[in-house]
Every structure is written in structure tokens, then in C-alpha cells.
Full PDB file with SEQRES, HELIX, SHEET, SSBOND, CRYST1, ORIGX, SCALE, CONECT and MASTER records, all heavy atoms in Angstrom:
SEQRES   1 A   42  THR TYR HIS PRO THR CYS HIS SER LEU ARG MET ILE GLY          
SEQRES   2 A   42  VAL GLY ASP ARG PRO LEU ARG LEU LEU SER ALA VAL ARG          
SEQRES   3 A   42  GLY LEU ASP LEU ILE ASP LEU PRO GLU ALA GLU THR CYS          
SEQRES   4 A   42  CYS GLY PHE                                                  
HELIX    1 AA1 CYS A    6  CYS A    6  1                                   1    
HELIX    2 AA2 HIS A    7  MET A   11  3                                   5    
HELIX    3 AA3 ARG A   17  SER A   23  1                                   7    
CRYST1    1.000    1.000    1.000  90.00  90.00  90.00 P 1           1          
ORIGX1      1.000000  0.000000  0.000000        0.00000                         
ORIGX2      0.000000  1.000000  0.000000        0.00000                         
ORIGX3      0.000000  0.000000  1.000000        0.00000                         
SCALE1      1.000000  0.000000  0.000000        0.00000                         
SCALE2      0.000000  1.000000  0.000000        0.00000                         
SCALE3      0.000000  0.000000  1.000000        0.00000                         
ATOM      1  N   THR A   1      69.086 345.931 178.050  1.00  0.00           N  
ATOM      2  CA  THR A   1      69.641 344.588 177.938  1.00  0.00           C  
ATOM      3  C   THR A   1      68.794 343.638 178.773  1.00  0.00           C  
ATOM      4  O   THR A   1      68.193 344.049 179.778  1.00  0.00           O  
ATOM      5  CB  THR A   1      71.124 344.545 178.361  1.00  0.00           C  
ATOM      6  OG1 THR A   1      71.704 343.294 177.950  1.00  0.00           O  
ATOM      7  CG2 THR A   1      71.292 344.716 179.868  1.00  0.00           C  
ATOM      8  N   TYR A   2      68.730 342.376 178.343  1.00  0.00           N  
ATOM      9  CA  TYR A   2      67.815 341.395 178.946  1.00  0.00           C  
ATOM     10  C   TYR A   2      68.575 340.246 179.600  1.00  0.00           C  
ATOM     11  O   TYR A   2      69.460 339.640 178.983  1.00  0.00           O  
ATOM     12  CB  TYR A   2      66.866 340.849 177.880  1.00  0.00           C  
ATOM     13  CG  TYR A   2      66.091 339.620 178.308  1.00  0.00           C  
ATOM     14  CD1 TYR A   2      65.060 339.727 179.242  1.00  0.00           C  
ATOM     15  CD2 TYR A   2      66.394 338.366 177.786  1.00  0.00           C  
ATOM     16  CE1 TYR A   2      64.360 338.594 179.648  1.00  0.00           C  
ATOM     17  CE2 TYR A   2      65.689 337.236 178.181  1.00  0.00           C  
ATOM     18  CZ  TYR A   2      64.680 337.359 179.119  1.00  0.00           C  
ATOM     19  OH  TYR A   2      63.987 336.243 179.516  1.00  0.00           O  
ATOM     20  N   HIS A   3      68.220 339.952 180.847  1.00  0.00           N  
ATOM     21  CA  HIS A   3      68.784 338.811 181.580  1.00  0.00           C  
ATOM     22  C   HIS A   3      67.749 337.692 181.651  1.00  0.00           C  
ATOM     23  O   HIS A   3      66.679 337.859 182.244  1.00  0.00           O  
ATOM     24  CB  HIS A   3      69.174 339.227 183.007  1.00  0.00           C  
ATOM     25  CG  HIS A   3      69.454 338.066 183.914  1.00  0.00           C  
ATOM     26  ND1 HIS A   3      70.489 337.178 183.695  1.00  0.00           N  
ATOM     27  CD2 HIS A   3      68.823 337.637 185.040  1.00  0.00           C  
ATOM     28  CE1 HIS A   3      70.489 336.256 184.640  1.00  0.00           C  
ATOM     29  NE2 HIS A   3      69.486 336.508 185.465  1.00  0.00           N  
ATOM     30  N   PRO A   4      68.022 336.532 181.033  1.00  0.00           N  
ATOM     31  CA  PRO A   4      67.092 335.400 181.119  1.00  0.00           C  
ATOM     32  C   PRO A   4      67.281 334.672 182.448  1.00  0.00           C  
ATOM     33  O   PRO A   4      68.329 334.061 182.683  1.00  0.00           O  
ATOM     34  CB  PRO A   4      67.511 334.522 179.927  1.00  0.00           C  
ATOM     35  CG  PRO A   4      68.961 334.818 179.730  1.00  0.00           C  
ATOM     36  CD  PRO A   4      69.183 336.241 180.166  1.00  0.00           C  
ATOM     37  N   THR A   5      66.313 334.748 183.302  1.00  0.00           N  
ATOM     38  CA  THR A   5      66.445 334.145 184.627  1.00  0.00           C  
ATOM     39  C   THR A   5      66.440 332.623 184.538  1.00  0.00           C  
ATOM     40  O   THR A   5      65.871 332.043 183.627  1.00  0.00           O  
ATOM     41  CB  THR A   5      65.315 334.623 185.555  1.00  0.00           C  
ATOM     42  OG1 THR A   5      64.058 334.158 185.041  1.00  0.00           O  
ATOM     43  CG2 THR A   5      65.286 336.137 185.632  1.00  0.00           C  
ATOM     44  N   CYS A   6      67.089 331.995 185.510  1.00  0.00           N  
ATOM     45  CA  CYS A   6      67.335 330.547 185.439  1.00  0.00           C  
ATOM     46  C   CYS A   6      66.057 329.717 185.339  1.00  0.00           C  
ATOM     47  O   CYS A   6      65.958 328.824 184.496  1.00  0.00           O  
ATOM     48  CB  CYS A   6      68.136 330.100 186.652  1.00  0.00           C  
ATOM     49  SG  CYS A   6      69.851 330.651 186.629  1.00  0.00           S  
ATOM     50  N   HIS A   7      65.075 329.967 186.185  1.00  0.00           N  
ATOM     51  CA  HIS A   7      63.859 329.153 186.171  1.00  0.00           C  
ATOM     52  C   HIS A   7      63.050 329.370 184.892  1.00  0.00           C  
ATOM     53  O   HIS A   7      62.483 328.427 184.344  1.00  0.00           O  
ATOM     54  CB  HIS A   7      63.002 329.448 187.400  1.00  0.00           C  
ATOM     55  CG  HIS A   7      63.515 328.784 188.638  1.00  0.00           C  
ATOM     56  ND1 HIS A   7      62.998 329.043 189.888  1.00  0.00           N  
ATOM     57  CD2 HIS A   7      64.504 327.875 188.825  1.00  0.00           C  
ATOM     58  CE1 HIS A   7      63.638 328.317 190.792  1.00  0.00           C  
ATOM     59  NE2 HIS A   7      64.562 327.607 190.159  1.00  0.00           N  
ATOM     60  N   SER A   8      63.014 330.610 184.414  1.00  0.00           N  
ATOM     61  CA  SER A   8      62.280 330.857 183.170  1.00  0.00           C  
ATOM     62  C   SER A   8      62.980 330.177 182.002  1.00  0.00           C  
ATOM     63  O   SER A   8      62.333 329.650 181.096  1.00  0.00           O  
ATOM     64  CB  SER A   8      62.146 332.352 182.913  1.00  0.00           C  
ATOM     65  OG  SER A   8      63.406 332.945 182.646  1.00  0.00           O  
ATOM     66  N   LEU A   9      64.303 330.152 182.044  1.00  0.00           N  
ATOM     67  CA  LEU A   9      65.082 329.578 180.950  1.00  0.00           C  
ATOM     68  C   LEU A   9      65.092 328.054 181.001  1.00  0.00           C  
ATOM     69  O   LEU A   9      64.858 327.378 179.995  1.00  0.00           O  
ATOM     70  CB  LEU A   9      66.519 330.116 181.028  1.00  0.00           C  
ATOM     71  CG  LEU A   9      67.473 329.723 179.909  1.00  0.00           C  
ATOM     72  CD1 LEU A   9      67.057 330.389 178.605  1.00  0.00           C  
ATOM     73  CD2 LEU A   9      68.902 330.143 180.286  1.00  0.00           C  
ATOM     74  N   ARG A  10      65.347 327.502 182.194  1.00  0.00           N  
ATOM     75  CA  ARG A  10      65.611 326.064 182.307  1.00  0.00           C  
ATOM     76  C   ARG A  10      64.417 325.242 182.786  1.00  0.00           C  
ATOM     77  O   ARG A  10      64.305 324.061 182.447  1.00  0.00           O  
ATOM     78  CB  ARG A  10      66.803 325.840 183.238  1.00  0.00           C  
ATOM     79  CG  ARG A  10      68.081 326.472 182.711  1.00  0.00           C  
ATOM     80  CD  ARG A  10      69.246 326.345 183.674  1.00  0.00           C  
ATOM     81  NE  ARG A  10      70.473 326.881 183.077  1.00  0.00           N  
ATOM     82  CZ  ARG A  10      70.849 328.150 183.147  1.00  0.00           C  
ATOM     83  NH1 ARG A  10      70.084 329.019 183.805  1.00  0.00           N  
ATOM     84  NH2 ARG A  10      71.955 328.570 182.579  1.00  0.00           N  
ATOM     85  N   MET A  11      63.551 325.834 183.586  1.00  0.00           N  
ATOM     86  CA  MET A  11      62.437 325.059 184.126  1.00  0.00           C  
ATOM     87  C   MET A  11      61.209 325.116 183.229  1.00  0.00           C  
ATOM     88  O   MET A  11      60.624 324.078 182.909  1.00  0.00           O  
ATOM     89  CB  MET A  11      62.076 325.530 185.533  1.00  0.00           C  
ATOM     90  CG  MET A  11      60.966 324.724 186.183  1.00  0.00           C  
ATOM     91  SD  MET A  11      60.582 325.235 187.881  1.00  0.00           S  
ATOM     92  CE  MET A  11      62.020 324.610 188.752  1.00  0.00           C  
ATOM     93  N   ILE A  12      60.801 326.309 182.814  1.00  0.00           N  
ATOM     94  CA  ILE A  12      59.583 326.389 181.998  1.00  0.00           C  
ATOM     95  C   ILE A  12      59.879 326.697 180.537  1.00  0.00           C  
ATOM     96  O   ILE A  12      58.975 326.670 179.707  1.00  0.00           O  
ATOM     97  CB  ILE A  12      58.584 327.411 182.573  1.00  0.00           C  
ATOM     98  CG1 ILE A  12      59.184 328.808 182.633  1.00  0.00           C  
ATOM     99  CG2 ILE A  12      58.111 326.981 183.950  1.00  0.00           C  
ATOM    100  CD1 ILE A  12      58.184 329.862 183.071  1.00  0.00           C  
ATOM    101  N   GLY A  13      61.135 326.983 180.200  1.00  0.00           N  
ATOM    102  CA  GLY A  13      61.527 327.106 178.802  1.00  0.00           C  
ATOM    103  C   GLY A  13      60.888 328.248 178.039  1.00  0.00           C  
ATOM    104  O   GLY A  13      60.349 328.037 176.953  1.00  0.00           O  
ATOM    105  N   VAL A  14      60.967 329.463 178.576  1.00  0.00           N  
ATOM    106  CA  VAL A  14      60.373 330.593 177.849  1.00  0.00           C  
ATOM    107  C   VAL A  14      61.151 330.925 176.572  1.00  0.00           C  
ATOM    108  O   VAL A  14      60.631 331.598 175.677  1.00  0.00           O  
ATOM    109  CB  VAL A  14      60.259 331.865 178.729  1.00  0.00           C  
ATOM    110  CG1 VAL A  14      59.405 331.612 179.947  1.00  0.00           C  
ATOM    111  CG2 VAL A  14      61.620 332.401 179.123  1.00  0.00           C  
ATOM    112  N   GLY A  15      62.385 330.459 176.490  1.00  0.00           N  
ATOM    113  CA  GLY A  15      63.152 330.646 175.264  1.00  0.00           C  
ATOM    114  C   GLY A  15      63.310 332.103 174.869  1.00  0.00           C  
ATOM    115  O   GLY A  15      63.634 332.951 175.695  1.00  0.00           O  
ATOM    116  N   ASP A  16      63.038 332.388 173.589  1.00  0.00           N  
ATOM    117  CA  ASP A  16      63.239 333.742 173.087  1.00  0.00           C  
ATOM    118  C   ASP A  16      61.981 334.594 173.148  1.00  0.00           C  
ATOM    119  O   ASP A  16      61.946 335.688 172.583  1.00  0.00           O  
ATOM    120  CB  ASP A  16      63.759 333.704 171.648  1.00  0.00           C  
ATOM    121  CG  ASP A  16      62.726 333.171 170.656  1.00  0.00           C  
ATOM    122  OD1 ASP A  16      61.695 332.614 171.095  1.00  0.00           O  
ATOM    123  OD2 ASP A  16      62.951 333.314 169.441  1.00  0.00           O  
ATOM    124  N   ARG A  17      60.947 334.132 173.819  1.00  0.00           N  
ATOM    125  CA  ARG A  17      59.698 334.903 173.861  1.00  0.00           C  
ATOM    126  C   ARG A  17      59.899 336.322 174.394  1.00  0.00           C  
ATOM    127  O   ARG A  17      59.406 337.290 173.794  1.00  0.00           O  
ATOM    128  CB  ARG A  17      58.632 334.158 174.675  1.00  0.00           C  
ATOM    129  CG  ARG A  17      58.161 332.852 174.029  1.00  0.00           C  
ATOM    130  CD  ARG A  17      57.263 332.084 174.994  1.00  0.00           C  
ATOM    131  NE  ARG A  17      56.816 330.809 174.474  1.00  0.00           N  
ATOM    132  CZ  ARG A  17      57.536 329.682 174.524  1.00  0.00           C  
ATOM    133  NH1 ARG A  17      58.764 329.708 175.066  1.00  0.00           N  
ATOM    134  NH2 ARG A  17      57.059 328.554 174.050  1.00  0.00           N  
ATOM    135  N   PRO A  18      60.609 336.509 175.526  1.00  0.00           N  
ATOM    136  CA  PRO A  18      60.824 337.887 175.989  1.00  0.00           C  
ATOM    137  C   PRO A  18      61.587 338.738 174.988  1.00  0.00           C  
ATOM    138  O   PRO A  18      61.287 339.929 174.808  1.00  0.00           O  
ATOM    139  CB  PRO A  18      61.630 337.692 177.282  1.00  0.00           C  
ATOM    140  CG  PRO A  18      61.264 336.320 177.749  1.00  0.00           C  
ATOM    141  CD  PRO A  18      61.127 335.522 176.494  1.00  0.00           C  
ATOM    142  N   LEU A  19      62.559 338.147 174.311  1.00  0.00           N  
ATOM    143  CA  LEU A  19      63.329 338.895 173.322  1.00  0.00           C  
ATOM    144  C   LEU A  19      62.474 339.277 172.116  1.00  0.00           C  
ATOM    145  O   LEU A  19      62.624 340.369 171.558  1.00  0.00           O  
ATOM    146  CB  LEU A  19      64.543 338.074 172.871  1.00  0.00           C  
ATOM    147  CG  LEU A  19      65.623 337.867 173.928  1.00  0.00           C  
ATOM    148  CD1 LEU A  19      66.670 336.878 173.429  1.00  0.00           C  
ATOM    149  CD2 LEU A  19      66.272 339.188 174.319  1.00  0.00           C  
ATOM    150  N   ARG A  20      61.577 338.391 171.726  1.00  0.00           N  
ATOM    151  CA  ARG A  20      60.673 338.701 170.616  1.00  0.00           C  
ATOM    152  C   ARG A  20      59.749 339.860 170.987  1.00  0.00           C  
ATOM    153  O   ARG A  20      59.474 340.744 170.168  1.00  0.00           O  
ATOM    154  CB  ARG A  20      59.868 337.464 170.235  1.00  0.00           C  
ATOM    155  CG  ARG A  20      60.708 336.393 169.556  1.00  0.00           C  
ATOM    156  CD  ARG A  20      60.069 335.030 169.606  1.00  0.00           C  
ATOM    157  NE  ARG A  20      58.797 334.961 168.890  1.00  0.00           N  
ATOM    158  CZ  ARG A  20      57.996 333.913 168.926  1.00  0.00           C  
ATOM    159  NH1 ARG A  20      58.326 332.847 169.663  1.00  0.00           N  
ATOM    160  NH2 ARG A  20      56.866 333.914 168.244  1.00  0.00           N  
ATOM    161  N   LEU A  21      59.285 339.863 172.213  1.00  0.00           N  
ATOM    162  CA  LEU A  21      58.435 340.951 172.682  1.00  0.00           C  
ATOM    163  C   LEU A  21      59.209 342.263 172.751  1.00  0.00           C  
ATOM    164  O   LEU A  21      58.717 343.320 172.330  1.00  0.00           O  
ATOM    165  CB  LEU A  21      57.853 340.605 174.054  1.00  0.00           C  
ATOM    166  CG  LEU A  21      56.804 339.486 174.073  1.00  0.00           C  
ATOM    167  CD1 LEU A  21      56.672 338.886 175.461  1.00  0.00           C  
ATOM    168  CD2 LEU A  21      55.452 340.016 173.598  1.00  0.00           C  
ATOM    169  N   LEU A  22      60.429 342.208 173.282  1.00  0.00           N  
ATOM    170  CA  LEU A  22      61.244 343.419 173.401  1.00  0.00           C  
ATOM    171  C   LEU A  22      61.640 343.963 172.034  1.00  0.00           C  
ATOM    172  O   LEU A  22      61.692 345.181 171.831  1.00  0.00           O  
ATOM    173  CB  LEU A  22      62.498 343.115 174.232  1.00  0.00           C  
ATOM    174  CG  LEU A  22      62.273 342.895 175.728  1.00  0.00           C  
ATOM    175  CD1 LEU A  22      63.525 342.317 176.377  1.00  0.00           C  
ATOM    176  CD2 LEU A  22      61.862 344.194 176.422  1.00  0.00           C  
ATOM    177  N   SER A  23      61.905 343.066 171.097  1.00  0.00           N  
ATOM    178  CA  SER A  23      62.322 343.497 169.752  1.00  0.00           C  
ATOM    179  C   SER A  23      61.230 344.279 169.032  1.00  0.00           C  
ATOM    180  O   SER A  23      61.518 345.063 168.122  1.00  0.00           O  
ATOM    181  CB  SER A  23      62.722 342.277 168.915  1.00  0.00           C  
ATOM    182  OG  SER A  23      63.857 341.644 169.467  1.00  0.00           O  
ATOM    183  N   ALA A  24      59.974 344.057 169.442  1.00  0.00           N  
ATOM    184  CA  ALA A  24      58.852 344.740 168.797  1.00  0.00           C  
ATOM    185  C   ALA A  24      58.489 346.056 169.473  1.00  0.00           C  
ATOM    186  O   ALA A  24      57.593 346.766 169.008  1.00  0.00           O  
ATOM    187  CB  ALA A  24      57.629 343.824 168.775  1.00  0.00           C  
ATOM    188  N   VAL A  25      59.173 346.399 170.558  1.00  0.00           N  
ATOM    189  CA  VAL A  25      58.872 347.645 171.278  1.00  0.00           C  
ATOM    190  C   VAL A  25      59.484 348.825 170.525  1.00  0.00           C  
ATOM    191  O   VAL A  25      60.691 348.876 170.289  1.00  0.00           O  
ATOM    192  CB  VAL A  25      59.421 347.591 172.718  1.00  0.00           C  
ATOM    193  CG1 VAL A  25      59.207 348.942 173.421  1.00  0.00           C  
ATOM    194  CG2 VAL A  25      58.743 346.474 173.506  1.00  0.00           C  
ATOM    195  N   ARG A  26      58.671 349.782 170.165  1.00  0.00           N  
ATOM    196  CA  ARG A  26      59.148 350.948 169.423  1.00  0.00           C  
ATOM    197  C   ARG A  26      60.055 351.808 170.308  1.00  0.00           C  
ATOM    198  O   ARG A  26      59.776 352.020 171.477  1.00  0.00           O  
ATOM    199  CB  ARG A  26      57.965 351.779 168.924  1.00  0.00           C  
ATOM    200  CG  ARG A  26      57.197 351.108 167.813  1.00  0.00           C  
ATOM    201  CD  ARG A  26      56.080 351.964 167.254  1.00  0.00           C  
ATOM    202  NE  ARG A  26      55.121 352.368 168.283  1.00  0.00           N  
ATOM    203  CZ  ARG A  26      54.991 353.605 168.739  1.00  0.00           C  
ATOM    204  NH1 ARG A  26      55.728 354.580 168.261  1.00  0.00           N  
ATOM    205  NH2 ARG A  26      54.093 353.879 169.669  1.00  0.00           N  
ATOM    206  N   GLY A  27      61.149 352.266 169.691  1.00  0.00           N  
ATOM    207  CA  GLY A  27      62.083 353.142 170.389  1.00  0.00           C  
ATOM    208  C   GLY A  27      63.107 352.420 171.238  1.00  0.00           C  
ATOM    209  O   GLY A  27      64.080 353.030 171.692  1.00  0.00           O  
ATOM    210  N   LEU A  28      62.926 351.122 171.454  1.00  0.00           N  
ATOM    211  CA  LEU A  28      63.816 350.365 172.334  1.00  0.00           C  
ATOM    212  C   LEU A  28      65.042 349.882 171.572  1.00  0.00           C  
ATOM    213  O   LEU A  28      64.926 349.289 170.496  1.00  0.00           O  
ATOM    214  CB  LEU A  28      63.062 349.188 172.955  1.00  0.00           C  
ATOM    215  CG  LEU A  28      63.776 348.395 174.057  1.00  0.00           C  
ATOM    216  CD1 LEU A  28      62.758 347.874 175.071  1.00  0.00           C  
ATOM    217  CD2 LEU A  28      64.566 347.211 173.484  1.00  0.00           C  
ATOM    218  N   ASP A  29      66.204 350.116 172.134  1.00  0.00           N  
ATOM    219  CA  ASP A  29      67.472 349.654 171.568  1.00  0.00           C  
ATOM    220  C   ASP A  29      67.913 348.441 172.391  1.00  0.00           C  
ATOM    221  O   ASP A  29      68.390 348.593 173.525  1.00  0.00           O  
ATOM    222  CB  ASP A  29      68.510 350.780 171.637  1.00  0.00           C  
ATOM    223  CG  ASP A  29      69.832 350.408 170.985  1.00  0.00           C  
ATOM    224  OD1 ASP A  29      69.900 349.355 170.311  1.00  0.00           O  
ATOM    225  OD2 ASP A  29      70.813 351.162 171.168  1.00  0.00           O  
ATOM    226  N   LEU A  30      67.726 347.239 171.836  1.00  0.00           N  
ATOM    227  CA  LEU A  30      67.989 345.996 172.566  1.00  0.00           C  
ATOM    228  C   LEU A  30      69.440 345.574 172.373  1.00  0.00           C  
ATOM    229  O   LEU A  30      69.891 345.333 171.252  1.00  0.00           O  
ATOM    230  CB  LEU A  30      67.039 344.901 172.091  1.00  0.00           C  
ATOM    231  CG  LEU A  30      67.106 343.553 172.812  1.00  0.00           C  
ATOM    232  CD1 LEU A  30      66.810 343.711 174.297  1.00  0.00           C  
ATOM    233  CD2 LEU A  30      66.125 342.570 172.172  1.00  0.00           C  
ATOM    234  N   ILE A  31      70.174 345.461 173.480  1.00  0.00           N  
ATOM    235  CA  ILE A  31      71.598 345.128 173.462  1.00  0.00           C  
ATOM    236  C   ILE A  31      71.796 343.724 174.022  1.00  0.00           C  
ATOM    237  O   ILE A  31      71.271 343.390 175.089  1.00  0.00           O  
ATOM    238  CB  ILE A  31      72.409 346.131 174.321  1.00  0.00           C  
ATOM    239  CG1 ILE A  31      72.075 347.571 173.931  1.00  0.00           C  
ATOM    240  CG2 ILE A  31      73.902 345.849 174.189  1.00  0.00           C  
ATOM    241  CD1 ILE A  31      72.363 347.921 172.506  1.00  0.00           C  
ATOM    242  N   ASP A  32      72.552 342.898 173.312  1.00  0.00           N  
ATOM    243  CA  ASP A  32      72.835 341.553 173.805  1.00  0.00           C  
ATOM    244  C   ASP A  32      73.647 341.607 175.093  1.00  0.00           C  
ATOM    245  O   ASP A  32      74.604 342.393 175.216  1.00  0.00           O  
ATOM    246  CB  ASP A  32      73.629 340.759 172.760  1.00  0.00           C  
ATOM    247  CG  ASP A  32      72.788 340.392 171.550  1.00  0.00           C  
ATOM    248  OD1 ASP A  32      71.550 340.374 171.675  1.00  0.00           O  
ATOM    249  OD2 ASP A  32      73.374 340.133 170.484  1.00  0.00           O  
ATOM    250  N   LEU A  33      73.279 340.760 176.041  1.00  0.00           N  
ATOM    251  CA  LEU A  33      73.992 340.665 177.314  1.00  0.00           C  
ATOM    252  C   LEU A  33      75.045 339.567 177.215  1.00  0.00           C  
ATOM    253  O   LEU A  33      74.701 338.409 176.953  1.00  0.00           O  
ATOM    254  CB  LEU A  33      73.003 340.355 178.445  1.00  0.00           C  
ATOM    255  CG  LEU A  33      73.602 340.150 179.837  1.00  0.00           C  
ATOM    256  CD1 LEU A  33      74.234 341.447 180.343  1.00  0.00           C  
ATOM    257  CD2 LEU A  33      72.527 339.666 180.817  1.00  0.00           C  
ATOM    258  N   PRO A  34      76.325 339.875 177.423  1.00  0.00           N  
ATOM    259  CA  PRO A  34      77.348 338.827 177.408  1.00  0.00           C  
ATOM    260  C   PRO A  34      77.071 337.771 178.482  1.00  0.00           C  
ATOM    261  O   PRO A  34      76.601 338.095 179.578  1.00  0.00           O  
ATOM    262  CB  PRO A  34      78.643 339.591 177.713  1.00  0.00           C  
ATOM    263  CG  PRO A  34      78.360 341.010 177.333  1.00  0.00           C  
ATOM    264  CD  PRO A  34      76.912 341.215 177.635  1.00  0.00           C  
ATOM    265  N   GLU A  35      77.352 336.518 178.160  1.00  0.00           N  
ATOM    266  CA  GLU A  35      77.164 335.405 179.100  1.00  0.00           C  
ATOM    267  C   GLU A  35      75.767 335.447 179.709  1.00  0.00           C  
ATOM    268  O   GLU A  35      75.578 335.206 180.904  1.00  0.00           O  
ATOM    269  CB  GLU A  35      78.229 335.451 180.196  1.00  0.00           C  
ATOM    270  CG  GLU A  35      79.654 335.378 179.682  1.00  0.00           C  
ATOM    271  CD  GLU A  35      80.700 335.544 180.764  1.00  0.00           C  
ATOM    272  OE1 GLU A  35      80.479 335.048 181.893  1.00  0.00           O  
ATOM    273  OE2 GLU A  35      81.732 336.180 180.497  1.00  0.00           O  
ATOM    274  N   ALA A  36      74.790 335.724 178.855  1.00  0.00           N  
ATOM    275  CA  ALA A  36      73.426 335.971 179.333  1.00  0.00           C  
ATOM    276  C   ALA A  36      72.856 334.821 180.145  1.00  0.00           C  
ATOM    277  O   ALA A  36      72.156 335.036 181.138  1.00  0.00           O  
ATOM    278  CB  ALA A  36      72.516 336.270 178.137  1.00  0.00           C  
ATOM    279  N   GLU A  37      73.140 333.584 179.756  1.00  0.00           N  
ATOM    280  CA  GLU A  37      72.505 332.441 180.398  1.00  0.00           C  
ATOM    281  C   GLU A  37      73.174 332.015 181.697  1.00  0.00           C  
ATOM    282  O   GLU A  37      72.755 331.057 182.329  1.00  0.00           O  
ATOM    283  CB  GLU A  37      72.441 331.266 179.421  1.00  0.00           C  
ATOM    284  CG  GLU A  37      71.561 331.549 178.209  1.00  0.00           C  
ATOM    285  CD  GLU A  37      71.381 330.355 177.303  1.00  0.00           C  
ATOM    286  OE1 GLU A  37      71.893 329.260 177.639  1.00  0.00           O  
ATOM    287  OE2 GLU A  37      70.723 330.500 176.253  1.00  0.00           O  
ATOM    288  N   THR A  38      74.204 332.743 182.111  1.00  0.00           N  
ATOM    289  CA  THR A  38      74.849 332.465 183.393  1.00  0.00           C  
ATOM    290  C   THR A  38      73.992 333.005 184.530  1.00  0.00           C  
ATOM    291  O   THR A  38      73.482 334.119 184.462  1.00  0.00           O  
ATOM    292  CB  THR A  38      76.245 333.118 183.448  1.00  0.00           C  
ATOM    293  OG1 THR A  38      77.038 332.603 182.381  1.00  0.00           O  
ATOM    294  CG2 THR A  38      76.925 332.831 184.781  1.00  0.00           C  
ATOM    295  N   CYS A  39      73.848 332.220 185.588  1.00  0.00           N  
ATOM    296  CA  CYS A  39      73.024 332.599 186.746  1.00  0.00           C  
ATOM    297  C   CYS A  39      73.555 333.849 187.427  1.00  0.00           C  
ATOM    298  O   CYS A  39      74.767 334.070 187.502  1.00  0.00           O  
ATOM    299  CB  CYS A  39      72.997 331.428 187.738  1.00  0.00           C  
ATOM    300  SG  CYS A  39      72.043 331.746 189.231  1.00  0.00           S  
ATOM    301  N   CYS A  40      72.649 334.663 187.953  1.00  0.00           N  
ATOM    302  CA  CYS A  40      73.054 335.881 188.657  1.00  0.00           C  
ATOM    303  C   CYS A  40      73.465 335.612 190.096  1.00  0.00           C  
ATOM    304  O   CYS A  40      74.010 336.486 190.767  1.00  0.00           O  
ATOM    305  CB  CYS A  40      71.929 336.914 188.626  1.00  0.00           C  
ATOM    306  SG  CYS A  40      70.512 336.516 189.690  1.00  0.00           S  
ATOM    307  N   GLY A  41      73.154 334.414 190.605  1.00  0.00           N  
ATOM    308  CA  GLY A  41      73.556 334.067 191.960  1.00  0.00           C  
ATOM    309  C   GLY A  41      72.487 334.230 193.016  1.00  0.00           C  
ATOM    310  O   GLY A  41      72.726 333.984 194.200  1.00  0.00           O  
ATOM    311  N   PHE A  42      71.278 334.640 192.608  1.00  0.00           N  
ATOM    312  CA  PHE A  42      70.233 334.837 193.624  1.00  0.00           C  
ATOM    313  C   PHE A  42      69.670 333.491 194.100  1.00  0.00           C  
ATOM    314  O   PHE A  42      69.954 333.045 195.199  1.00  0.00           O  
ATOM    315  CB  PHE A  42      69.120 335.738 193.096  1.00  0.00           C  
ATOM    316  CG  PHE A  42      68.044 335.995 194.121  1.00  0.00           C  
ATOM    317  CD1 PHE A  42      68.338 336.715 195.261  1.00  0.00           C  
ATOM    318  CD2 PHE A  42      66.762 335.501 193.943  1.00  0.00           C  
ATOM    319  CE1 PHE A  42      67.353 336.941 196.229  1.00  0.00           C  
ATOM    320  CE2 PHE A  42      65.781 335.731 194.896  1.00  0.00           C  
ATOM    321  CZ  PHE A  42      66.071 336.441 196.036  1.00  0.00           C  
TER     322      PHE A  42                                                      
MASTER        0    0    0    3    0    0    0    6  321    1    0    4          
END                                                                             
């Protein structure tokens, strides 16, 4: 599962690029993270 970090999401706007890369990885089972865009608190 993938956590979009705040600065990558909001400051530089990486968008779905990491997900596109992960989706192309063979053997990887990509699971959606609930409330993914919520900050982790770091």
C-alpha cells in the first residue's frame, strides 16, 4: 500500500506518478490506502 506524503502531494505535485510506477511492477499487489491523502503527523 502507498502513502502519498504531504510535500510530494501538495508542494511539488507528484500526483499519481508513484502509483503508475508501482502498478507496472510485476508480482506487486497494490492495495488502496484508506484516507491516503491525510497527513501522517510527522
